Amino acid sequence: MSRELDITVVRDALARVYADARVPIGAVAAVSHRGAAPATVVLGTRTTDGAPIDESAIFQIASMTKPVTTVVALQLIEEGRLSLNAPIAEWIPELTRRQVLAVDAEATRAAHREITVEDLLTQRSGIPYAHDATGEVRRRMESELGPPLGGPHDPDEWVGRLRRIPQSFDPGARFQYGLSTDILGVLIRRALGRGLGEVMAERVFGPLGMRDTGFRVRPQDLPRLARMYRATPDGPVDVSVVVSEPPVFESGGGGLYSTVGDYLRFLGMLRGSGAIDGVRLLSPESVAAIATNRLTPAQRALPALGADEYFATHGFGYGVAVLLEPESLPTRFRPGRGSYGWSGGFGTWWLIDPENDLQLVLMAQFETATSPFVSTGVDGGRLGHFRRRDVIAFCEAVYRQIDTEP
């Protein structure tokens, strides 16, 4: 038997970190250990007017959308509708015979091979986000595609515009965080002939009881939405992405809204090797595949996600980072080998630690890329999935307790 976690330790640790913020931050964090009911803590406010946050708060989960899209794709692979090694041109002919930016960045050449479904699952399609691209690729992505969320183009127009833009690297050559999972969402839509949100509702949200998760926030639920602010000389400015009507483009890479309670249901399914409460979404083999590193040693040695050594301690599976060398983490806590999870660029984060039978979820709202919470410097890169100060504080508060259990 494990003793009950003291969740106030988590609250106090997070409060110390968020005290450095120049904008209001509200957060919800939850821990489930050895299958026990989640222990949840809330702190901060939802808006600048002091509206308190609570466990029902809805967050923009950004790239935490990616694992959900991944699960749907693996369901279709199990059903024989997709294949890992199949060229995506079978469903998206616009993205066949791709052009790759040459080394001198002045010309393009033909890609060495076609993009496959597995390339999309592992972020190795070679197609970046605009903000991670350079030169001509960046300029054309920004002008042709528009913003990554809330863009004006439907999936068919979007992929037609993407067709005209060269990519940064050959398919399969290296990890390049970018539009791979958005493309996967378009592929799923075409494979099934239905919208991605409708497919997710039928295959994931409905079976798991994730009632508050989707590509929009219902108008009656807008008061529950946690807001995201940017610090300016004139005070905090609301920069939340608020979608209350069905979006033109349902971003499989970053468009979902959710709650901590809903996402814990999703993690519970993964913890249960694809099933929870008698409801099975995936086979145990598919869940194991999600949490298995797919990067080669040479690929792990390359810079990624703005850090020279992001994969020094981690690998990458299907839509998630996988901890391969916990003993090399520059932290005071040690998750188990094989722990896996992902985060969102608007302040959300999760982890499953199978060795310690632990699930952690943290949802806040801030612009990660410009926040004071991202750890930099020599050790910042080696932190990998743990390179945020609030995440480190969260994990230290939890692991300190389970490491001292009898």
Protein backbone atom coordinates (compact mmCIF):
# COMPACT_ATOMS: atom_id res chain seq x y z
CA MET A 1 0.00 0.00 0.00
CA SER A 2 1.26 3.49 -0.85
CA ARG A 3 0.60 6.33 1.52
CA GLU A 4 -1.52 9.21 0.32
CA LEU A 5 0.46 11.93 -1.42
CA ASP A 6 0.53 15.31 0.29
CA ILE A 7 -0.74 17.44 -2.59
CA THR A 8 -0.12 20.66 -0.65
CA VAL A 9 3.60 20.08 -1.23
CA VAL A 10 2.89 20.23 -4.98
CA ARG A 11 0.80 23.39 -4.60
CA ASP A 12 3.50 25.16 -2.62
CA ALA A 13 6.24 24.14 -5.09
CA LEU A 14 4.29 25.41 -8.09
CA ALA A 15 3.28 28.61 -6.30
CA ARG A 16 6.94 29.47 -5.72
CA VAL A 17 7.70 29.12 -9.44
CA TYR A 18 4.65 31.00 -10.69
CA ALA A 19 5.38 33.86 -8.30
CA ASP A 20 8.02 34.95 -10.85
CA ALA A 21 5.42 35.39 -13.60
CA ARG A 22 4.67 38.86 -14.90
CA VAL A 23 1.14 37.83 -15.90
CA PRO A 24 -1.68 36.03 -14.07
CA ILE A 25 -1.33 32.25 -14.20
CA GLY A 26 -3.88 29.72 -13.05
CA ALA A 27 -2.90 26.08 -12.92
CA VAL A 28 -4.41 22.67 -12.22
CA ALA A 29 -2.10 19.75 -11.42
CA ALA A 30 -3.01 16.15 -10.76
CA VAL A 31 -1.21 13.00 -9.66
CA SER A 32 -2.36 9.42 -9.80
CA HIS A 33 -0.14 6.82 -8.11
CA ARG A 34 -0.67 3.07 -8.35
CA GLY A 35 -4.15 3.47 -9.74
CA ALA A 36 -5.41 5.57 -6.85
CA ALA A 37 -7.97 8.32 -7.44
CA PRO A 38 -6.13 11.41 -8.68
CA ALA A 39 -5.00 13.98 -6.14
CA THR A 40 -5.59 17.42 -7.64
CA VAL A 41 -4.44 20.89 -6.72
CA VAL A 42 -5.51 24.27 -8.12
CA LEU A 43 -3.79 27.62 -7.72
CA GLY A 44 -3.90 31.08 -9.20
CA THR A 45 -6.62 32.79 -11.19
CA ARG A 46 -8.25 32.14 -14.53
CA THR A 47 -8.37 35.79 -15.65
CA THR A 48 -6.93 39.20 -14.81
CA ASP A 49 -10.08 40.12 -12.88
CA GLY A 50 -9.22 37.52 -10.26
CA ALA A 51 -11.73 34.84 -11.30
CA PRO A 52 -10.60 31.75 -9.37
CA ILE A 53 -9.58 28.65 -11.25
CA ASP A 54 -11.00 25.24 -10.39
CA GLU A 55 -10.74 21.64 -11.53
CA SER A 56 -13.30 22.19 -14.29
CA ALA A 57 -11.14 24.80 -16.05
CA ILE A 58 -10.69 24.30 -19.79
CA PHE A 59 -7.23 24.77 -21.27
CA GLN A 60 -5.76 25.11 -24.73
CA ILE A 61 -3.62 21.98 -24.69
CA ALA A 62 -1.78 22.76 -27.95
CA SER A 63 0.66 19.95 -28.79
CA MET A 64 -0.87 17.62 -26.22
CA THR A 65 -3.29 17.12 -29.13
CA LYS A 66 -0.61 15.11 -30.91
CA PRO A 67 -0.85 11.94 -28.76
CA VAL A 68 -4.63 11.87 -29.32
CA THR A 69 -4.18 12.03 -33.10
CA THR A 70 -1.53 9.34 -32.75
CA VAL A 71 -3.95 7.02 -30.96
CA VAL A 72 -6.55 7.40 -33.72
CA ALA A 73 -3.91 6.65 -36.37
CA LEU A 74 -2.82 3.51 -34.52
CA GLN A 75 -6.45 2.39 -34.28
CA LEU A 76 -6.66 2.63 -38.07
CA ILE A 77 -3.40 0.71 -38.42
CA GLU A 78 -4.79 -2.07 -36.20
CA GLU A 79 -7.88 -2.15 -38.43
CA GLY A 80 -5.79 -2.40 -41.59
CA ARG A 81 -6.95 0.96 -42.94
CA LEU A 82 -3.47 2.48 -42.65
CA SER A 83 0.03 1.03 -42.73
CA LEU A 84 3.16 2.36 -41.06
CA ASN A 85 5.29 1.99 -44.18
CA ALA A 86 2.69 3.24 -46.65
CA PRO A 87 3.50 6.46 -48.51
CA ILE A 88 1.11 9.16 -47.38
CA ALA A 89 0.57 10.01 -51.06
CA GLU A 90 -1.97 7.16 -51.08
CA TRP A 91 -4.29 9.52 -49.21
CA ILE A 92 -2.63 12.89 -49.81
CA PRO A 93 -1.36 12.85 -53.42
CA GLU A 94 -0.54 16.55 -53.12
CA LEU A 95 2.47 15.58 -50.99
CA THR A 96 4.13 13.16 -53.38
CA ARG A 97 7.49 13.80 -55.07
CA ARG A 98 8.50 16.35 -52.50
CA GLN A 99 11.18 18.99 -53.00
CA VAL A 100 13.86 19.50 -50.34
CA LEU A 101 15.82 22.69 -49.76
CA ALA A 102 19.40 22.18 -50.95
CA VAL A 103 22.33 22.66 -48.61
CA ASP A 104 23.07 26.11 -50.00
CA ALA A 105 19.41 27.10 -49.40
CA GLU A 106 19.34 28.64 -52.86
CA ALA A 107 17.75 25.77 -54.75
CA THR A 108 15.76 22.59 -54.22
CA ARG A 109 16.23 18.95 -55.13
CA ALA A 110 14.02 15.89 -55.19
CA ALA A 111 13.51 14.13 -51.86
CA HIS A 112 15.30 10.80 -51.54
CA ARG A 113 12.00 8.99 -50.89
CA GLU A 114 8.31 9.48 -50.15
CA ILE A 115 6.95 10.46 -46.73
CA THR A 116 5.43 7.49 -44.88
CA VAL A 117 2.82 7.24 -42.14
CA GLU A 118 5.56 6.35 -39.66
CA ASP A 119 7.48 9.50 -40.62
CA LEU A 120 4.44 11.51 -39.50
CA LEU A 121 4.13 9.59 -36.22
CA THR A 122 7.79 10.21 -35.37
CA GLN A 123 8.10 13.85 -36.51
CA ARG A 124 10.51 12.81 -39.27
CA SER A 125 8.58 14.00 -42.32
CA GLY A 126 11.07 16.86 -42.81
CA ILE A 127 8.28 19.48 -42.73
CA PRO A 128 8.84 21.99 -39.91
CA TYR A 129 6.70 24.60 -38.24
CA ALA A 130 7.16 28.03 -39.80
CA HIS A 131 8.74 29.42 -36.63
CA ASP A 132 11.37 26.65 -36.70
CA ALA A 133 12.10 27.04 -40.41
CA THR A 134 14.56 29.48 -41.94
CA GLY A 135 14.85 31.64 -45.02
CA GLU A 136 12.61 30.92 -47.97
CA VAL A 137 10.83 27.99 -46.32
CA ARG A 138 9.83 30.12 -43.35
CA ARG A 139 8.70 33.04 -45.48
CA ARG A 140 6.56 30.85 -47.73
CA MET A 141 5.04 28.88 -44.85
CA GLU A 142 4.01 32.08 -43.11
CA SER A 143 2.53 33.62 -46.25
CA GLU A 144 0.91 30.48 -47.70
CA LEU A 145 -0.37 28.65 -44.62
CA GLY A 146 -1.17 31.40 -42.14
CA PRO A 147 -1.05 30.88 -38.36
CA PRO A 148 -0.67 27.32 -37.01
CA LEU A 149 -3.98 27.62 -35.12
CA GLY A 150 -7.16 29.34 -36.24
CA GLY A 151 -6.05 29.54 -39.86
CA PRO A 152 -8.46 30.40 -42.68
CA HIS A 153 -7.85 27.40 -44.94
CA ASP A 154 -9.80 24.14 -44.95
CA PRO A 155 -7.77 20.90 -44.93
CA ASP A 156 -7.80 20.43 -48.71
CA GLU A 157 -6.74 24.00 -49.43
CA TRP A 158 -4.17 23.86 -46.64
CA VAL A 159 -2.48 20.76 -47.98
CA GLY A 160 -2.63 22.16 -51.52
CA ARG A 161 -0.75 25.24 -50.33
CA LEU A 162 1.73 23.08 -48.41
CA ARG A 163 2.43 21.21 -51.65
CA ARG A 164 4.07 24.32 -53.12
CA ILE A 165 6.53 24.77 -50.25
CA PRO A 166 9.83 22.84 -50.15
CA GLN A 167 10.72 21.03 -46.96
CA SER A 168 13.81 21.34 -44.80
CA PHE A 169 15.01 17.73 -44.75
CA ASP A 170 14.50 14.38 -46.46
CA PRO A 171 11.75 12.16 -45.05
CA GLY A 172 13.12 9.95 -42.29
CA ALA A 173 16.44 11.78 -42.11
CA ARG A 174 16.03 13.42 -38.71
CA PHE A 175 13.60 14.59 -36.06
CA GLN A 176 12.11 17.94 -37.10
CA TYR A 177 9.29 19.15 -34.89
CA GLY A 178 6.61 20.57 -37.10
CA LEU A 179 3.51 19.89 -39.15
CA SER A 180 3.76 16.09 -39.26
CA THR A 181 0.80 15.48 -36.94
CA ASP A 182 -1.32 18.13 -38.67
CA ILE A 183 -0.71 16.24 -41.90
CA LEU A 184 -1.60 13.01 -40.10
CA GLY A 185 -4.91 14.60 -39.09
CA VAL A 186 -5.65 15.44 -42.73
CA LEU A 187 -4.75 11.87 -43.69
CA ILE A 188 -7.16 10.44 -41.10
CA ARG A 189 -9.90 12.74 -42.37
CA ARG A 190 -9.40 11.52 -45.93
CA ALA A 191 -9.03 7.86 -44.96
CA LEU A 192 -12.40 7.94 -43.18
CA GLY A 193 -14.17 10.66 -45.15
CA ARG A 194 -15.16 12.50 -41.96
CA GLY A 195 -13.91 15.44 -39.93
CA LEU A 196 -11.10 14.80 -37.47
CA GLY A 197 -13.13 16.14 -34.54
CA GLU A 198 -16.02 13.84 -35.35
CA VAL A 199 -13.65 10.88 -35.60
CA MET A 200 -11.97 11.69 -32.28
CA ALA A 201 -15.33 12.12 -30.56
CA GLU A 202 -16.48 8.71 -31.75
CA ARG A 203 -13.24 6.81 -31.20
CA VAL A 204 -11.67 8.50 -28.16
CA PHE A 205 -13.66 11.19 -26.35
CA GLY A 206 -17.00 9.39 -26.27
CA PRO A 207 -15.70 5.99 -25.12
CA LEU A 208 -13.49 7.59 -22.46
CA GLY A 209 -16.09 10.06 -21.22
CA MET A 210 -13.98 13.09 -22.16
CA ARG A 211 -16.95 15.45 -22.30
CA ASP A 212 -15.00 18.70 -22.28
CA THR A 213 -12.42 17.88 -24.96
CA GLY A 214 -12.71 19.02 -28.56
CA PHE A 215 -11.60 21.50 -31.20
CA ARG A 216 -13.79 24.26 -29.82
CA VAL A 217 -15.16 25.51 -26.53
CA ARG A 218 -18.94 25.48 -26.44
CA PRO A 219 -20.29 29.02 -25.92
CA GLN A 220 -21.83 28.06 -22.57
CA ASP A 221 -18.42 26.80 -21.40
CA LEU A 222 -16.42 29.94 -22.27
CA PRO A 223 -16.54 31.16 -18.64
CA ARG A 224 -14.53 28.05 -17.71
CA LEU A 225 -11.73 28.81 -20.20
CA ALA A 226 -8.37 29.62 -18.58
CA ARG A 227 -6.93 32.67 -20.30
CA MET A 228 -3.38 33.13 -21.57
CA TYR A 229 -1.68 36.50 -21.17
CA ARG A 230 1.38 38.21 -22.61
CA ALA A 231 3.29 40.76 -20.56
CA THR A 232 3.58 44.21 -22.17
CA PRO A 233 4.68 47.64 -20.90
CA ASP A 234 0.97 48.49 -20.63
CA GLY A 235 0.13 45.40 -18.63
CA PRO A 236 -1.08 41.87 -19.45
CA VAL A 237 -2.69 41.35 -22.86
CA ASP A 238 -5.03 38.41 -23.49
CA VAL A 239 -3.55 36.29 -26.30
CA SER A 240 -5.78 33.24 -25.83
CA VAL A 241 -6.82 31.33 -28.93
CA VAL A 242 -10.58 31.17 -28.44
CA VAL A 243 -12.56 28.97 -30.84
CA SER A 244 -16.25 28.66 -29.99
CA GLU A 245 -17.55 27.65 -33.43
CA PRO A 246 -16.43 24.61 -35.45
CA PRO A 247 -13.04 25.59 -36.90
CA VAL A 248 -12.30 25.55 -40.61
CA PHE A 249 -9.14 23.53 -39.94
CA GLU A 250 -9.07 21.03 -37.07
CA SER A 251 -5.40 20.90 -36.17
CA GLY A 252 -4.34 17.37 -35.30
CA GLY A 253 -1.07 18.84 -34.07
CA GLY A 254 -2.35 21.43 -31.65
CA GLY A 255 -6.01 22.39 -31.82
CA LEU A 256 -7.68 20.66 -28.87
CA TYR A 257 -9.09 22.11 -25.67
CA SER A 258 -9.37 19.87 -22.62
CA THR A 259 -9.44 19.63 -18.84
CA VAL A 260 -7.13 17.87 -16.41
CA GLY A 261 -9.90 15.39 -15.58
CA ASP A 262 -10.52 14.54 -19.22
CA TYR A 263 -6.86 14.13 -20.04
CA LEU A 264 -6.35 11.88 -17.03
CA ARG A 265 -8.93 9.54 -18.60
CA PHE A 266 -6.79 9.45 -21.75
CA LEU A 267 -3.65 8.73 -19.72
CA GLY A 268 -5.51 6.08 -17.74
CA MET A 269 -6.22 4.30 -21.01
CA LEU A 270 -2.52 4.35 -21.88
CA ARG A 271 -1.61 3.19 -18.36
CA GLY A 272 -4.02 0.30 -18.86
CA SER A 273 -2.23 -0.82 -22.04
CA GLY A 274 -5.03 0.55 -24.19
CA ALA A 275 -8.04 -0.03 -21.91
CA ILE A 276 -9.74 1.60 -18.94
CA ASP A 277 -12.88 0.58 -17.07
CA GLY A 278 -13.56 -2.21 -19.53
CA VAL A 279 -13.28 0.08 -22.59
CA ARG A 280 -10.46 -0.81 -24.98
CA LEU A 281 -9.18 1.69 -27.55
CA LEU A 282 -5.84 0.13 -28.48
CA SER A 283 -4.04 -3.17 -28.20
CA PRO A 284 -1.23 -3.49 -25.64
CA GLU A 285 1.18 -3.83 -28.56
CA SER A 286 0.16 -0.45 -29.96
CA VAL A 287 0.57 1.27 -26.59
CA ALA A 288 4.01 -0.30 -26.24
CA ALA A 289 4.85 1.01 -29.71
CA ILE A 290 3.91 4.55 -28.68
CA ALA A 291 6.43 4.43 -25.83
CA THR A 292 9.30 2.85 -27.82
CA ASN A 293 12.09 5.09 -29.08
CA ARG A 294 12.28 5.29 -32.88
CA LEU A 295 15.25 7.65 -33.29
CA THR A 296 18.67 6.34 -34.26
CA PRO A 297 21.70 7.26 -32.13
CA ALA A 298 22.79 9.65 -34.88
CA GLN A 299 19.37 11.33 -34.89
CA ARG A 300 19.36 11.68 -31.10
CA ALA A 301 22.72 13.48 -31.32
CA LEU A 302 21.28 16.28 -33.49
CA PRO A 303 19.81 19.51 -32.09
CA ALA A 304 16.04 19.51 -31.62
CA LEU A 305 13.36 21.76 -30.14
CA GLY A 306 15.80 24.63 -29.68
CA ALA A 307 18.32 22.61 -27.65
CA ASP A 308 21.59 21.02 -28.72
CA GLU A 309 21.09 18.01 -26.44
CA TYR A 310 17.32 17.61 -26.22
CA PHE A 311 17.63 13.87 -26.90
CA ALA A 312 20.72 13.30 -24.75
CA THR A 313 18.53 11.58 -22.17
CA HIS A 314 15.41 10.98 -24.27
CA GLY A 315 14.25 9.36 -27.46
CA PHE A 316 10.99 9.81 -29.36
CA GLY A 317 8.30 7.24 -30.01
CA TYR A 318 4.94 7.79 -31.69
CA GLY A 319 3.99 11.31 -30.64
CA VAL A 320 5.78 11.25 -27.26
CA ALA A 321 9.22 11.75 -25.72
CA VAL A 322 10.60 8.58 -24.10
CA LEU A 323 13.07 8.72 -21.20
CA LEU A 324 15.97 6.40 -22.03
CA GLU A 325 18.69 7.48 -19.57
CA PRO A 326 17.15 8.69 -16.30
CA GLU A 327 20.50 8.40 -14.55
CA SER A 328 21.82 11.20 -16.78
CA LEU A 329 19.06 13.70 -15.99
CA PRO A 330 20.49 16.79 -14.23
CA THR A 331 17.69 16.73 -11.66
CA ARG A 332 17.16 15.63 -8.06
CA PHE A 333 14.35 13.27 -9.06
CA ARG A 334 14.58 10.10 -11.11
CA PRO A 335 11.58 8.94 -13.14
CA GLY A 336 11.69 5.34 -14.21
CA ARG A 337 13.36 4.29 -17.44
CA GLY A 338 10.76 4.23 -20.19
CA SER A 339 8.69 7.07 -18.74
CA TYR A 340 7.00 8.97 -21.55
CA GLY A 341 4.92 12.05 -22.16
CA TRP A 342 4.56 15.30 -24.04
CA SER A 343 3.73 18.95 -23.51
CA GLY A 344 1.94 21.88 -25.10
CA GLY A 345 3.38 25.24 -26.08
CA PHE A 346 0.76 27.04 -23.99
CA GLY A 347 1.87 25.68 -20.62
CA THR A 348 0.50 22.11 -20.42
CA TRP A 349 2.49 18.92 -19.72
CA TRP A 350 2.05 15.23 -18.83
CA LEU A 351 4.04 12.13 -17.93
CA ILE A 352 3.37 8.42 -17.49
CA ASP A 353 5.99 6.56 -15.42
CA PRO A 354 5.21 2.83 -15.78
CA GLU A 355 8.04 1.77 -13.44
CA ASN A 356 6.57 3.78 -10.56
CA ASP A 357 2.96 3.43 -11.77
CA LEU A 358 2.58 7.19 -11.80
CA GLN A 359 0.65 9.63 -14.00
CA LEU A 360 1.23 13.37 -13.78
CA VAL A 361 -0.69 16.17 -15.52
CA LEU A 362 -0.02 19.90 -15.27
CA MET A 363 -2.16 22.47 -17.05
CA ALA A 364 -1.43 26.19 -16.97
CA GLN A 365 -1.66 28.87 -19.67
CA PHE A 366 1.36 30.85 -20.77
CA GLU A 367 3.46 31.18 -23.90
CA THR A 368 6.17 28.62 -23.21
CA ALA A 369 8.60 29.95 -25.81
CA THR A 370 8.81 33.39 -24.17
CA SER A 371 8.17 32.45 -20.55
CA PRO A 372 10.76 32.65 -17.76
CA PHE A 373 10.05 29.02 -16.90
CA VAL A 374 12.05 27.26 -19.63
CA SER A 375 15.42 26.09 -18.34
CA THR A 376 18.35 27.16 -20.52
CA GLY A 377 22.11 26.85 -20.28
CA VAL A 378 24.32 23.78 -20.35
CA ASP A 379 21.88 21.49 -18.54
CA GLY A 380 18.73 22.95 -20.09
CA GLY A 381 18.98 20.80 -23.19
CA ARG A 382 19.74 17.60 -21.29
CA LEU A 383 16.52 18.02 -19.32
CA GLY A 384 14.56 17.14 -22.46
CA HIS A 385 10.89 16.69 -21.57
CA PHE A 386 11.56 18.17 -18.10
CA ARG A 387 13.13 21.49 -19.14
CA ARG A 388 10.53 23.76 -17.54
CA ARG A 389 10.98 25.09 -14.01
CA ASP A 390 7.35 24.47 -13.09
CA VAL A 391 7.63 20.89 -14.36
CA ILE A 392 10.81 20.31 -12.36
CA ALA A 393 9.17 21.71 -9.21
CA PHE A 394 6.10 19.53 -9.80
CA CYS A 395 8.14 16.38 -10.30
CA GLU A 396 10.45 17.05 -7.36
CA ALA A 397 7.45 17.53 -5.07
CA VAL A 398 5.95 14.21 -6.20
CA TYR A 399 9.04 12.00 -6.51
CA ARG A 400 10.42 13.16 -3.15
CA GLN A 401 7.37 11.58 -1.57
CA ILE A 402 7.23 8.30 -3.49
CA ASP A 403 11.00 7.82 -3.12
CA THR A 404 10.64 7.80 0.67
CA GLU A 405 7.77 5.33 0.82
CA PRO A 406 8.38 2.19 2.85
